[in-house]
Amino acid sequence: MPVTVLIVDDHDGFRTFARTLLEADGFDVIGEAGSGEAGLEAAVRLRPAVVLLDIQLPGADGFEILERLAHVAHAPAVVLISTRDGSSIRRRVAATAARGFVRKDELSGAAIAELLRA
């Protein structure tokens, strides 16, 4: 059974790109959201196995949404994404419950799968 994914990012074009890429690699993208609040609501409703969560979102940022996701029933694995260089936020990501971080330009099904195995 494919791993279910919710994509939370405020850029429509990136969500479309990520959906296409992950579905081609065998993931089942079951939803998308354009803000942290919408992503949180979708995660509660859809119960994905994984949330691909942008760090920079309007309103509540990805770190705040990550904290809130940790307290929902059936909490998903969270992979943080950003256009930022990972070295600038590595410590902050390491201090969270996220499975890890992937730069948007390095996103692949293999990168997500590797983080899920860790």
PDB file of N, CA and C in Angstrom:
ATOM      1  N   MET A   1       0.839  -1.176   0.000  1.00  0.00           N
ATOM      2  CA  MET A   1       0.000   0.000   0.000  1.00  0.00           C
ATOM      3  C   MET A   1       0.890   1.247   0.000  1.00  0.00           C
ATOM      4  N   PRO A   2       0.606   2.208  -0.883  1.00  0.00           N
ATOM      5  CA  PRO A   2       1.444   3.411  -0.962  1.00  0.00           C
ATOM      6  C   PRO A   2       1.340   4.270   0.304  1.00  0.00           C
ATOM      7  N   VAL A   3       2.393   4.996   0.593  1.00  0.00           N
ATOM      8  CA  VAL A   3       2.423   5.921   1.721  1.00  0.00           C
ATOM      9  C   VAL A   3       1.599   7.156   1.353  1.00  0.00           C
ATOM     10  N   THR A   4       0.679   7.541   2.240  1.00  0.00           N
ATOM     11  CA  THR A   4      -0.156   8.711   1.980  1.00  0.00           C
ATOM     12  C   THR A   4       0.554   9.986   2.427  1.00  0.00           C
ATOM     13  N   VAL A   5       0.391  11.042   1.615  1.00  0.00           N
ATOM     14  CA  VAL A   5       1.094  12.300   1.843  1.00  0.00           C
ATOM     15  C   VAL A   5       0.138  13.479   1.721  1.00  0.00           C
ATOM     16  N   LEU A   6       0.308  14.445   2.614  1.00  0.00           N
ATOM     17  CA  LEU A   6      -0.342  15.748   2.532  1.00  0.00           C
ATOM     18  C   LEU A   6       0.751  16.774   2.283  1.00  0.00           C
ATOM     19  N   ILE A   7       0.561  17.623   1.273  1.00  0.00           N
ATOM     20  CA  ILE A   7       1.538  18.657   0.940  1.00  0.00           C
ATOM     21  C   ILE A   7       1.015  19.996   1.442  1.00  0.00           C
ATOM     22  N   VAL A   8       1.809  20.663   2.290  1.00  0.00           N
ATOM     23  CA  VAL A   8       1.428  21.969   2.829  1.00  0.00           C
ATOM     24  C   VAL A   8       2.484  22.984   2.395  1.00  0.00           C
ATOM     25  N   ASP A   9       2.097  23.833   1.453  1.00  0.00           N
ATOM     26  CA  ASP A   9       3.001  24.840   0.906  1.00  0.00           C
ATOM     27  C   ASP A   9       2.142  25.957   0.326  1.00  0.00           C
ATOM     28  N   ASP A  10       2.585  27.191   0.460  1.00  0.00           N
ATOM     29  CA  ASP A  10       1.775  28.320  -0.006  1.00  0.00           C
ATOM     30  C   ASP A  10       1.933  28.628  -1.495  1.00  0.00           C
ATOM     31  N   HIS A  11       2.733  27.878  -2.214  1.00  0.00           N
ATOM     32  CA  HIS A  11       2.911  28.098  -3.651  1.00  0.00           C
ATOM     33  C   HIS A  11       2.226  26.988  -4.441  1.00  0.00           C
ATOM     34  N   ASP A  12       1.190  27.371  -5.195  1.00  0.00           N
ATOM     35  CA  ASP A  12       0.441  26.400  -6.001  1.00  0.00           C
ATOM     36  C   ASP A  12       1.347  25.605  -6.927  1.00  0.00           C
ATOM     37  N   GLY A  13       2.257  26.285  -7.584  1.00  0.00           N
ATOM     38  CA  GLY A  13       3.151  25.622  -8.540  1.00  0.00           C
ATOM     39  C   GLY A  13       4.016  24.573  -7.877  1.00  0.00           C
ATOM     40  N   PHE A  14       4.515  24.872  -6.684  1.00  0.00           N
ATOM     41  CA  PHE A  14       5.332  23.872  -5.994  1.00  0.00           C
ATOM     42  C   PHE A  14       4.477  22.686  -5.569  1.00  0.00           C
ATOM     43  N   ARG A  15       3.270  22.928  -5.088  1.00  0.00           N
ATOM     44  CA  ARG A  15       2.407  21.800  -4.694  1.00  0.00           C
ATOM     45  C   ARG A  15       2.147  20.885  -5.892  1.00  0.00           C
ATOM     46  N   THR A  16       1.899  21.473  -7.046  1.00  0.00           N
ATOM     47  CA  THR A  16       1.669  20.678  -8.257  1.00  0.00           C
ATOM     48  C   THR A  16       2.920  19.870  -8.609  1.00  0.00           C
ATOM     49  N   PHE A  17       4.075  20.523  -8.574  1.00  0.00           N
ATOM     50  CA  PHE A  17       5.348  19.848  -8.852  1.00  0.00           C
ATOM     51  C   PHE A  17       5.576  18.696  -7.872  1.00  0.00           C
ATOM     52  N   ALA A  18       5.405  18.964  -6.577  1.00  0.00           N
ATOM     53  CA  ALA A  18       5.650  17.947  -5.547  1.00  0.00           C
ATOM     54  C   ALA A  18       4.682  16.780  -5.709  1.00  0.00           C
ATOM     55  N   ARG A  19       3.417  17.069  -5.989  1.00  0.00           N
ATOM     56  CA  ARG A  19       2.433  16.000  -6.193  1.00  0.00           C
ATOM     57  C   ARG A  19       2.859  15.100  -7.345  1.00  0.00           C
ATOM     58  N   THR A  20       3.188  15.704  -8.469  1.00  0.00           N
ATOM     59  CA  THR A  20       3.587  14.941  -9.656  1.00  0.00           C
ATOM     60  C   THR A  20       4.811  14.076  -9.364  1.00  0.00           C
ATOM     61  N   LEU A  21       5.799  14.673  -8.737  1.00  0.00           N
ATOM     62  CA  LEU A  21       7.044  13.975  -8.417  1.00  0.00           C
ATOM     63  C   LEU A  21       6.797  12.807  -7.469  1.00  0.00           C
ATOM     64  N   LEU A  22       6.087  13.049  -6.373  1.00  0.00           N
ATOM     65  CA  LEU A  22       5.870  12.002  -5.374  1.00  0.00           C
ATOM     66  C   LEU A  22       4.964  10.893  -5.900  1.00  0.00           C
ATOM     67  N   GLU A  23       3.937  11.256  -6.647  1.00  0.00           N
ATOM     68  CA  GLU A  23       3.070  10.217  -7.217  1.00  0.00           C
ATOM     69  C   GLU A  23       3.831   9.353  -8.217  1.00  0.00           C
ATOM     70  N   ALA A  24       4.735   9.943  -8.987  1.00  0.00           N
ATOM     71  CA  ALA A  24       5.558   9.171  -9.930  1.00  0.00           C
ATOM     72  C   ALA A  24       6.468   8.194  -9.189  1.00  0.00           C
ATOM     73  N   ASP A  25       6.809   8.526  -7.933  1.00  0.00           N
ATOM     74  CA  ASP A  25       7.670   7.663  -7.122  1.00  0.00           C
ATOM     75  C   ASP A  25       6.869   6.724  -6.220  1.00  0.00           C
ATOM     76  N   GLY A  26       5.551   6.625  -6.447  1.00  0.00           N
ATOM     77  CA  GLY A  26       4.746   5.637  -5.744  1.00  0.00           C
ATOM     78  C   GLY A  26       4.045   6.102  -4.484  1.00  0.00           C
ATOM     79  N   PHE A  27       4.149   7.376  -4.141  1.00  0.00           N
ATOM     80  CA  PHE A  27       3.423   7.902  -2.989  1.00  0.00           C
ATOM     81  C   PHE A  27       1.992   8.242  -3.403  1.00  0.00           C
ATOM     82  N   ASP A  28       1.084   8.255  -2.450  1.00  0.00           N
ATOM     83  CA  ASP A  28      -0.314   8.599  -2.688  1.00  0.00           C
ATOM     84  C   ASP A  28      -0.582   9.963  -2.052  1.00  0.00           C
ATOM     85  N   VAL A  29      -0.572  11.017  -2.861  1.00  0.00           N
ATOM     86  CA  VAL A  29      -0.831  12.364  -2.346  1.00  0.00           C
ATOM     87  C   VAL A  29      -2.343  12.505  -2.183  1.00  0.00           C
ATOM     88  N   ILE A  30      -2.779  12.582  -0.931  1.00  0.00           N
ATOM     89  CA  ILE A  30      -4.213  12.593  -0.636  1.00  0.00           C
ATOM     90  C   ILE A  30      -4.763  13.990  -0.372  1.00  0.00           C
ATOM     91  N   GLY A  31      -3.884  14.990  -0.353  1.00  0.00           N
ATOM     92  CA  GLY A  31      -4.369  16.342  -0.143  1.00  0.00           C
ATOM     93  C   GLY A  31      -3.275  17.373  -0.234  1.00  0.00           C
ATOM     94  N   GLU A  32      -3.717  18.623  -0.353  1.00  0.00           N
ATOM     95  CA  GLU A  32      -2.826  19.768  -0.410  1.00  0.00           C
ATOM     96  C   GLU A  32      -3.445  20.888   0.405  1.00  0.00           C
ATOM     97  N   ALA A  33      -2.602  21.758   0.938  1.00  0.00           N
ATOM     98  CA  ALA A  33      -3.068  22.937   1.655  1.00  0.00           C
ATOM     99  C   ALA A  33      -2.108  24.083   1.406  1.00  0.00           C
ATOM    100  N   GLY A  34      -2.636  25.302   1.363  1.00  0.00           N
ATOM    101  CA  GLY A  34      -1.840  26.473   1.064  1.00  0.00           C
ATOM    102  C   GLY A  34      -1.440  27.296   2.268  1.00  0.00           C
ATOM    103  N   SER A  35      -1.850  26.873   3.460  1.00  0.00           N
ATOM    104  CA  SER A  35      -1.458  27.587   4.682  1.00  0.00           C
ATOM    105  C   SER A  35      -1.288  26.580   5.807  1.00  0.00           C
ATOM    106  N   GLY A  36      -0.633  27.013   6.868  1.00  0.00           N
ATOM    107  CA  GLY A  36      -0.431  26.130   8.006  1.00  0.00           C
ATOM    108  C   GLY A  36      -1.737  25.701   8.651  1.00  0.00           C
ATOM    109  N   GLU A  37      -2.640  26.651   8.842  1.00  0.00           N
ATOM    110  CA  GLU A  37      -3.929  26.337   9.468  1.00  0.00           C
ATOM    111  C   GLU A  37      -4.727  25.349   8.616  1.00  0.00           C
ATOM    112  N   ALA A  38      -4.754  25.575   7.307  1.00  0.00           N
ATOM    113  CA  ALA A  38      -5.458  24.656   6.409  1.00  0.00           C
ATOM    114  C   ALA A  38      -4.779  23.289   6.405  1.00  0.00           C
ATOM    115  N   GLY A  39      -3.456  23.286   6.509  1.00  0.00           N
ATOM    116  CA  GLY A  39      -2.722  22.029   6.563  1.00  0.00           C
ATOM    117  C   GLY A  39      -3.031  21.247   7.824  1.00  0.00           C
ATOM    118  N   LEU A  40      -3.113  21.939   8.936  1.00  0.00           N
ATOM    119  CA  LEU A  40      -3.439  21.290  10.204  1.00  0.00           C
ATOM    120  C   LEU A  40      -4.828  20.666  10.137  1.00  0.00           C
ATOM    121  N   GLU A  41      -5.779  21.417   9.622  1.00  0.00           N
ATOM    122  CA  GLU A  41      -7.149  20.908   9.488  1.00  0.00           C
ATOM    123  C   GLU A  41      -7.187  19.701   8.555  1.00  0.00           C
ATOM    124  N   ALA A  42      -6.468  19.778   7.440  1.00  0.00           N
ATOM    125  CA  ALA A  42      -6.444  18.673   6.481  1.00  0.00           C
ATOM    126  C   ALA A  42      -5.779  17.440   7.083  1.00  0.00           C
ATOM    127  N   ALA A  43      -4.740  17.636   7.875  1.00  0.00           N
ATOM    128  CA  ALA A  43      -4.058  16.499   8.507  1.00  0.00           C
ATOM    129  C   ALA A  43      -4.989  15.780   9.479  1.00  0.00           C
ATOM    130  N   VAL A  44      -5.761  16.524  10.236  1.00  0.00           N
ATOM    131  CA  VAL A  44      -6.715  15.918  11.171  1.00  0.00           C
ATOM    132  C   VAL A  44      -7.794  15.157  10.398  1.00  0.00           C
ATOM    133  N   ARG A  45      -8.291  15.752   9.335  1.00  0.00           N
ATOM    134  CA  ARG A  45      -9.385  15.159   8.547  1.00  0.00           C
ATOM    135  C   ARG A  45      -8.921  13.975   7.697  1.00  0.00           C
ATOM    136  N   LEU A  46      -7.775  14.097   7.029  1.00  0.00           N
ATOM    137  CA  LEU A  46      -7.327  13.082   6.067  1.00  0.00           C
ATOM    138  C   LEU A  46      -6.451  11.991   6.672  1.00  0.00           C
ATOM    139  N   ARG A  47      -5.800  12.278   7.800  1.00  0.00           N
ATOM    140  CA  ARG A  47      -4.912  11.332   8.486  1.00  0.00           C
ATOM    141  C   ARG A  47      -3.823  10.759   7.575  1.00  0.00           C
ATOM    142  N   PRO A  48      -3.012  11.630   6.957  1.00  0.00           N
ATOM    143  CA  PRO A  48      -1.926  11.131   6.115  1.00  0.00           C
ATOM    144  C   PRO A  48      -0.837  10.482   6.960  1.00  0.00           C
ATOM    145  N   ALA A  49      -0.071   9.623   6.342  1.00  0.00           N
ATOM    146  CA  ALA A  49       1.086   9.040   7.019  1.00  0.00           C
ATOM    147  C   ALA A  49       2.208  10.070   7.125  1.00  0.00           C
ATOM    148  N   VAL A  50       2.288  10.952   6.111  1.00  0.00           N
ATOM    149  CA  VAL A  50       3.365  11.942   6.036  1.00  0.00           C
ATOM    150  C   VAL A  50       2.785  13.305   5.679  1.00  0.00           C
ATOM    151  N   VAL A  51       3.305  14.343   6.332  1.00  0.00           N
ATOM    152  CA  VAL A  51       3.008  15.718   5.934  1.00  0.00           C
ATOM    153  C   VAL A  51       4.309  16.343   5.457  1.00  0.00           C
ATOM    154  N   LEU A  52       4.305  16.795   4.211  1.00  0.00           N
ATOM    155  CA  LEU A  52       5.409  17.544   3.632  1.00  0.00           C
ATOM    156  C   LEU A  52       5.094  19.003   3.933  1.00  0.00           C
ATOM    157  N   LEU A  53       5.848  19.632   4.838  1.00  0.00           N
ATOM    158  CA  LEU A  53       5.471  20.909   5.440  1.00  0.00           C
ATOM    159  C   LEU A  53       6.507  21.995   5.189  1.00  0.00           C
ATOM    160  N   ASP A  54       6.087  23.030   4.462  1.00  0.00           N
ATOM    161  CA  ASP A  54       6.966  24.169   4.217  1.00  0.00           C
ATOM    162  C   ASP A  54       7.216  24.909   5.525  1.00  0.00           C
ATOM    163  N   ILE A  55       8.423  25.379   5.707  1.00  0.00           N
ATOM    164  CA  ILE A  55       8.764  26.136   6.916  1.00  0.00           C
ATOM    165  C   ILE A  55       8.191  27.545   6.855  1.00  0.00           C
ATOM    166  N   GLN A  56       8.251  28.170   5.690  1.00  0.00           N
ATOM    167  CA  GLN A  56       7.780  29.547   5.542  1.00  0.00           C
ATOM    168  C   GLN A  56       6.362  29.548   4.984  1.00  0.00           C
ATOM    169  N   LEU A  57       5.409  29.777   5.881  1.00  0.00           N
ATOM    170  CA  LEU A  57       4.000  29.806   5.507  1.00  0.00           C
ATOM    171  C   LEU A  57       3.378  31.100   6.014  1.00  0.00           C
ATOM    172  N   PRO A  58       2.312  31.562   5.359  1.00  0.00           N
ATOM    173  CA  PRO A  58       1.613  32.736   5.895  1.00  0.00           C
ATOM    174  C   PRO A  58       0.923  32.362   7.213  1.00  0.00           C
ATOM    175  N   GLY A  59       0.868  33.290   8.127  1.00  0.00           N
ATOM    176  CA  GLY A  59       0.271  33.007   9.429  1.00  0.00           C
ATOM    177  C   GLY A  59       1.231  32.164  10.256  1.00  0.00           C
ATOM    178  N   ALA A  60       0.734  31.050  10.757  1.00  0.00           N
ATOM    179  CA  ALA A  60       1.566  30.145  11.556  1.00  0.00           C
ATOM    180  C   ALA A  60       2.610  29.493  10.657  1.00  0.00           C
ATOM    181  N   ASP A  61       3.882  29.552  11.052  1.00  0.00           N
ATOM    182  CA  ASP A  61       4.931  28.961  10.224  1.00  0.00           C
ATOM    183  C   ASP A  61       4.989  27.444  10.410  1.00  0.00           C
ATOM    184  N   GLY A  62       5.821  26.804   9.623  1.00  0.00           N
ATOM    185  CA  GLY A  62       5.921  25.349   9.658  1.00  0.00           C
ATOM    186  C   GLY A  62       6.326  24.792  11.009  1.00  0.00           C
ATOM    187  N   PHE A  63       7.173  25.493  11.737  1.00  0.00           N
ATOM    188  CA  PHE A  63       7.594  25.011  13.055  1.00  0.00           C
ATOM    189  C   PHE A  63       6.419  25.007  14.036  1.00  0.00           C
ATOM    190  N   GLU A  64       5.595  26.043  13.983  1.00  0.00           N
ATOM    191  CA  GLU A  64       4.416  26.089  14.858  1.00  0.00           C
ATOM    192  C   GLU A  64       3.420  24.986  14.496  1.00  0.00           C
ATOM    193  N   ILE A  65       3.189  24.790  13.212  1.00  0.00           N
ATOM    194  CA  ILE A  65       2.263  23.738  12.768  1.00  0.00           C
ATOM    195  C   ILE A  65       2.806  22.365  13.145  1.00  0.00           C
ATOM    196  N   LEU A  66       4.107  22.159  13.022  1.00  0.00           N
ATOM    197  CA  LEU A  66       4.731  20.902  13.422  1.00  0.00           C
ATOM    198  C   LEU A  66       4.441  20.603  14.885  1.00  0.00           C
ATOM    199  N   GLU A  67       4.598  21.593  15.747  1.00  0.00           N
ATOM    200  CA  GLU A  67       4.313  21.405  17.179  1.00  0.00           C
ATOM    201  C   GLU A  67       2.863  21.014  17.399  1.00  0.00           C
ATOM    202  N   ARG A  68       1.969  21.640  16.680  1.00  0.00           N
ATOM    203  CA  ARG A  68       0.540  21.356  16.836  1.00  0.00           C
ATOM    204  C   ARG A  68       0.180  19.981  16.282  1.00  0.00           C
ATOM    205  N   LEU A  69       0.839  19.576  15.205  1.00  0.00           N
ATOM    206  CA  LEU A  69       0.585  18.251  14.629  1.00  0.00           C
ATOM    207  C   LEU A  69       0.988  17.127  15.584  1.00  0.00           C
ATOM    208  N   ALA A  70       1.984  17.380  16.397  1.00  0.00           N
ATOM    209  CA  ALA A  70       2.451  16.355  17.340  1.00  0.00           C
ATOM    210  C   ALA A  70       1.378  15.982  18.354  1.00  0.00           C
ATOM    211  N   HIS A  71       0.377  16.833  18.508  1.00  0.00           N
ATOM    212  CA  HIS A  71      -0.664  16.608  19.513  1.00  0.00           C
ATOM    213  C   HIS A  71      -1.983  16.123  18.932  1.00  0.00           C
ATOM    214  N   VAL A  72      -2.040  15.847  17.641  1.00  0.00           N
ATOM    215  CA  VAL A  72      -3.285  15.348  17.054  1.00  0.00           C
ATOM    216  C   VAL A  72      -3.308  13.826  17.108  1.00  0.00           C
ATOM    217  N   ALA A  73      -4.512  13.275  17.114  1.00  0.00           N
ATOM    218  CA  ALA A  73      -4.642  11.815  17.055  1.00  0.00           C
ATOM    219  C   ALA A  73      -4.038  11.339  15.737  1.00  0.00           C
ATOM    220  N   HIS A  74      -3.361  10.221  15.765  1.00  0.00           N
ATOM    221  CA  HIS A  74      -2.719   9.657  14.569  1.00  0.00           C
ATOM    222  C   HIS A  74      -1.729  10.653  13.972  1.00  0.00           C
ATOM    223  N   ALA A  75      -0.868  11.210  14.806  1.00  0.00           N
ATOM    224  CA  ALA A  75       0.106  12.211  14.356  1.00  0.00           C
ATOM    225  C   ALA A  75       0.938  11.665  13.205  1.00  0.00           C
ATOM    226  N   PRO A  76       1.017  12.423  12.108  1.00  0.00           N
ATOM    227  CA  PRO A  76       1.795  11.972  10.952  1.00  0.00           C
ATOM    228  C   PRO A  76       3.289  12.215  11.137  1.00  0.00           C
ATOM    229  N   ALA A  77       4.079  11.528  10.342  1.00  0.00           N
ATOM    230  CA  ALA A  77       5.494  11.867  10.222  1.00  0.00           C
ATOM    231  C   ALA A  77       5.548  13.180   9.450  1.00  0.00           C
ATOM    232  N   VAL A  78       6.442  14.071   9.848  1.00  0.00           N
ATOM    233  CA  VAL A  78       6.540  15.373   9.190  1.00  0.00           C
ATOM    234  C   VAL A  78       7.933  15.541   8.602  1.00  0.00           C
ATOM    235  N   VAL A  79       7.959  15.943   7.337  1.00  0.00           N
ATOM    236  CA  VAL A  79       9.206  16.291   6.663  1.00  0.00           C
ATOM    237  C   VAL A  79       9.117  17.772   6.337  1.00  0.00           C
ATOM    238  N   LEU A  80      10.032  18.551   6.893  1.00  0.00           N
ATOM    239  CA  LEU A  80      10.069  19.985   6.645  1.00  0.00           C
ATOM    240  C   LEU A  80      10.767  20.263   5.328  1.00  0.00           C
ATOM    241  N   ILE A  81      10.258  21.270   4.612  1.00  0.00           N
ATOM    242  CA  ILE A  81      10.841  21.668   3.331  1.00  0.00           C
ATOM    243  C   ILE A  81      10.992  23.182   3.301  1.00  0.00           C
ATOM    244  N   SER A  82      11.924  23.650   2.477  1.00  0.00           N
ATOM    245  CA  SER A  82      12.130  25.089   2.315  1.00  0.00           C
ATOM    246  C   SER A  82      13.059  25.326   1.136  1.00  0.00           C
ATOM    247  N   THR A  83      13.054  26.550   0.654  1.00  0.00           N
ATOM    248  CA  THR A  83      14.043  26.949  -0.341  1.00  0.00           C
ATOM    249  C   THR A  83      15.332  27.358   0.341  1.00  0.00           C
ATOM    250  N   ARG A  84      15.274  27.569   1.656  1.00  0.00           N
ATOM    251  CA  ARG A  84      16.463  27.959   2.426  1.00  0.00           C
ATOM    252  C   ARG A  84      17.484  26.832   2.457  1.00  0.00           C
ATOM    253  N   ASP A  85      18.723  27.218   2.647  1.00  0.00           N
ATOM    254  CA  ASP A  85      19.796  26.255   2.833  1.00  0.00           C
ATOM    255  C   ASP A  85      19.604  25.581   4.187  1.00  0.00           C
ATOM    256  N   GLY A  86      19.665  24.285   4.225  1.00  0.00           N
ATOM    257  CA  GLY A  86      19.452  23.533   5.453  1.00  0.00           C
ATOM    258  C   GLY A  86      20.437  23.848   6.557  1.00  0.00           C
ATOM    259  N   SER A  87      21.634  24.279   6.211  1.00  0.00           N
ATOM    260  CA  SER A  87      22.635  24.552   7.251  1.00  0.00           C
ATOM    261  C   SER A  87      22.224  25.719   8.138  1.00  0.00           C
ATOM    262  N   SER A  88      21.425  26.634   7.608  1.00  0.00           N
ATOM    263  CA  SER A  88      21.016  27.787   8.399  1.00  0.00           C
ATOM    264  C   SER A  88      19.936  27.454   9.422  1.00  0.00           C
ATOM    265  N   ILE A  89      19.268  26.319   9.261  1.00  0.00           N
ATOM    266  CA  ILE A  89      18.191  25.941  10.187  1.00  0.00           C
ATOM    267  C   ILE A  89      18.374  24.546  10.774  1.00  0.00           C
ATOM    268  N   ARG A  90      19.502  23.929  10.505  1.00  0.00           N
ATOM    269  CA  ARG A  90      19.742  22.539  10.912  1.00  0.00           C
ATOM    270  C   ARG A  90      19.486  22.309  12.402  1.00  0.00           C
ATOM    271  N   ARG A  91      20.006  23.181  13.263  1.00  0.00           N
ATOM    272  CA  ARG A  91      19.819  22.996  14.709  1.00  0.00           C
ATOM    273  C   ARG A  91      18.355  23.096  15.107  1.00  0.00           C
ATOM    274  N   ARG A  92      17.675  24.055  14.510  1.00  0.00           N
ATOM    275  CA  ARG A  92      16.254  24.214  14.845  1.00  0.00           C
ATOM    276  C   ARG A  92      15.459  22.980  14.406  1.00  0.00           C
ATOM    277  N   VAL A  93      15.740  22.460  13.221  1.00  0.00           N
ATOM    278  CA  VAL A  93      15.050  21.256  12.738  1.00  0.00           C
ATOM    279  C   VAL A  93      15.376  20.073  13.644  1.00  0.00           C
ATOM    280  N   ALA A  94      16.638  19.931  14.037  1.00  0.00           N
ATOM    281  CA  ALA A  94      17.063  18.812  14.885  1.00  0.00           C
ATOM    282  C   ALA A  94      16.365  18.830  16.241  1.00  0.00           C
ATOM    283  N   ALA A  95      15.942  19.989  16.687  1.00  0.00           N
ATOM    284  CA  ALA A  95      15.290  20.117  17.993  1.00  0.00           C
ATOM    285  C   ALA A  95      13.792  19.841  17.923  1.00  0.00           C
ATOM    286  N   THR A  96      13.292  19.456  16.753  1.00  0.00           N
ATOM    287  CA  THR A  96      11.852  19.204  16.584  1.00  0.00           C
ATOM    288  C   THR A  96      11.581  17.703  16.430  1.00  0.00           C
ATOM    289  N   ALA A  97      10.314  17.385  16.328  1.00  0.00           N
ATOM    290  CA  ALA A  97       9.896  16.003  16.105  1.00  0.00           C
ATOM    291  C   ALA A  97       9.861  15.639  14.614  1.00  0.00           C
ATOM    292  N   ALA A  98      10.304  16.553  13.754  1.00  0.00           N
ATOM    293  CA  ALA A  98      10.291  16.280  12.310  1.00  0.00           C
ATOM    294  C   ALA A  98      11.220  15.121  11.983  1.00  0.00           C
ATOM    295  N   ARG A  99      10.855  14.365  10.960  1.00  0.00           N
ATOM    296  CA  ARG A  99      11.719  13.277  10.488  1.00  0.00           C
ATOM    297  C   ARG A  99      12.974  13.815   9.845  1.00  0.00           C
ATOM    298  N   GLY A 100      12.909  15.063   9.375  1.00  0.00           N
ATOM    299  CA  GLY A 100      14.070  15.662   8.748  1.00  0.00           C
ATOM    300  C   GLY A 100      13.686  16.838   7.883  1.00  0.00           C
ATOM    301  N   PHE A 101      14.635  17.270   7.087  1.00  0.00           N
ATOM    302  CA  PHE A 101      14.495  18.454   6.243  1.00  0.00           C
ATOM    303  C   PHE A 101      14.983  18.121   4.841  1.00  0.00           C
ATOM    304  N   VAL A 102      14.264  18.633   3.834  1.00  0.00           N
ATOM    305  CA  VAL A 102      14.671  18.493   2.433  1.00  0.00           C
ATOM    306  C   VAL A 102      14.514  19.853   1.765  1.00  0.00           C
ATOM    307  N   ARG A 103      15.579  20.298   1.109  1.00  0.00           N
ATOM    308  CA  ARG A 103      15.446  21.527   0.306  1.00  0.00           C
ATOM    309  C   ARG A 103      14.479  21.239  -0.840  1.00  0.00           C
ATOM    310  N   LYS A 104      13.686  22.224  -1.185  1.00  0.00           N
ATOM    311  CA  LYS A 104      12.695  22.027  -2.245  1.00  0.00           C
ATOM    312  C   LYS A 104      13.335  21.588  -3.556  1.00  0.00           C
ATOM    313  N   ASP A 105      14.507  22.118  -3.866  1.00  0.00           N
ATOM    314  CA  ASP A 105      15.144  21.752  -5.133  1.00  0.00           C
ATOM    315  C   ASP A 105      15.803  20.372  -5.081  1.00  0.00           C
ATOM    316  N   GLU A 106      15.779  19.732  -3.915  1.00  0.00           N
ATOM    317  CA  GLU A 106      16.333  18.384  -3.773  1.00  0.00           C
ATOM    318  C   GLU A 106      15.246  17.352  -3.450  1.00  0.00           C
ATOM    319  N   LEU A 107      13.985  17.773  -3.539  1.00  0.00           N
ATOM    320  CA  LEU A 107      12.874  16.882  -3.221  1.00  0.00           C
ATOM    321  C   LEU A 107      12.826  15.701  -4.182  1.00  0.00           C
ATOM    322  N   SER A 108      12.658  14.521  -3.619  1.00  0.00           N
ATOM    323  CA  SER A 108      12.462  13.300  -4.412  1.00  0.00           C
ATOM    324  C   SER A 108      11.759  12.284  -3.545  1.00  0.00           C
ATOM    325  N   GLY A 109      11.160  11.313  -4.180  1.00  0.00           N
ATOM    326  CA  GLY A 109      10.547  10.227  -3.432  1.00  0.00           C
ATOM    327  C   GLY A 109      11.588   9.475  -2.624  1.00  0.00           C
ATOM    328  N   ALA A 110      12.788   9.314  -3.196  1.00  0.00           N
ATOM    329  CA  ALA A 110      13.861   8.607  -2.491  1.00  0.00           C
ATOM    330  C   ALA A 110      14.283   9.362  -1.232  1.00  0.00           C
ATOM    331  N   ALA A 111      14.345  10.693  -1.305  1.00  0.00           N
ATOM    332  CA  ALA A 111      14.725  11.483  -0.128  1.00  0.00           C
ATOM    333  C   ALA A 111      13.691  11.341   0.973  1.00  0.00           C
ATOM    334  N   ILE A 112      12.417  11.355   0.603  1.00  0.00           N
ATOM    335  CA  ILE A 112      11.349  11.183   1.611  1.00  0.00           C
ATOM    336  C   ILE A 112      11.404   9.780   2.189  1.00  0.00           C
ATOM    337  N   ALA A 113      11.547   8.771   1.336  1.00  0.00           N
ATOM    338  CA  ALA A 113      11.608   7.391   1.802  1.00  0.00           C
ATOM    339  C   ALA A 113      12.772   7.178   2.765  1.00  0.00           C
ATOM    340  N   GLU A 114      13.909   7.776   2.477  1.00  0.00           N
ATOM    341  CA  GLU A 114      15.086   7.651   3.337  1.00  0.00           C
ATOM    342  C   GLU A 114      14.802   8.229   4.718  1.00  0.00           C
ATOM    343  N   LEU A 115      14.153   9.378   4.785  1.00  0.00           N
ATOM    344  CA  LEU A 115      13.824   9.987   6.068  1.00  0.00           C
ATOM    345  C   LEU A 115      12.801   9.157   6.839  1.00  0.00           C
ATOM    346  N   LEU A 116      11.911   8.502   6.143  1.00  0.00           N
ATOM    347  CA  LEU A 116      10.906   7.671   6.798  1.00  0.00           C
ATOM    348  C   LEU A 116      11.520   6.400   7.375  1.00  0.00           C
ATOM    349  N   ARG A 117      12.603   5.919   6.762  1.00  0.00           N
ATOM    350  CA  ARG A 117      13.285   4.731   7.269  1.00  0.00           C
ATOM    351  C   ARG A 117      14.129   5.040   8.497  1.00  0.00           C
ATOM    352  N   ALA A 118      14.555   6.279   8.629  1.00  0.00           N
ATOM    353  CA  ALA A 118      15.453   6.672   9.743  1.00  0.00           C
ATOM    354  C   ALA A 118      14.752   6.621  11.089  1.00  0.00           C
TER     355      ALA A 118
END
